[in-house]
Amino acid sequence: MSNKSVEVVLSHPARINGEKHQVTGEPIAVDERIAKQLADAGALAQQKPDDDSDSDDGLAKQNKADLIDIAKQLGIDVPSNANKADIIALIEREKGE
């Protein structure tokens, strides 16, 4: 099963599939799942109007594994003993919230 690719514009640097992407204002193509994770992390400059703009709720709804993925995409090292709240705090700190 292949995943659909979508274009997103980053508002924060992110590590996607092991590659560091800087904020350029240019769209990049990513898998839909990654786009959702980036949106939930508040790392997108442009989001669909129907997206939930409250990223705190979006992060809280993620499971720990997805939060770790989001953190890694943002270039955050997550301690092995971190819980969901710790990971959310790290993500929010990286985003400057």
Foldseek 3Di string as FASTA:
>chain_A
DDFDKDWFAFPAWWQDPNRIDHHDRDIDIDGPLVVLLCQLLVGTPDDDPPDDNPSVVSLVPDAPVSLVVSCRGRVHDDDPPDHSVRSNVSSCVSVVD
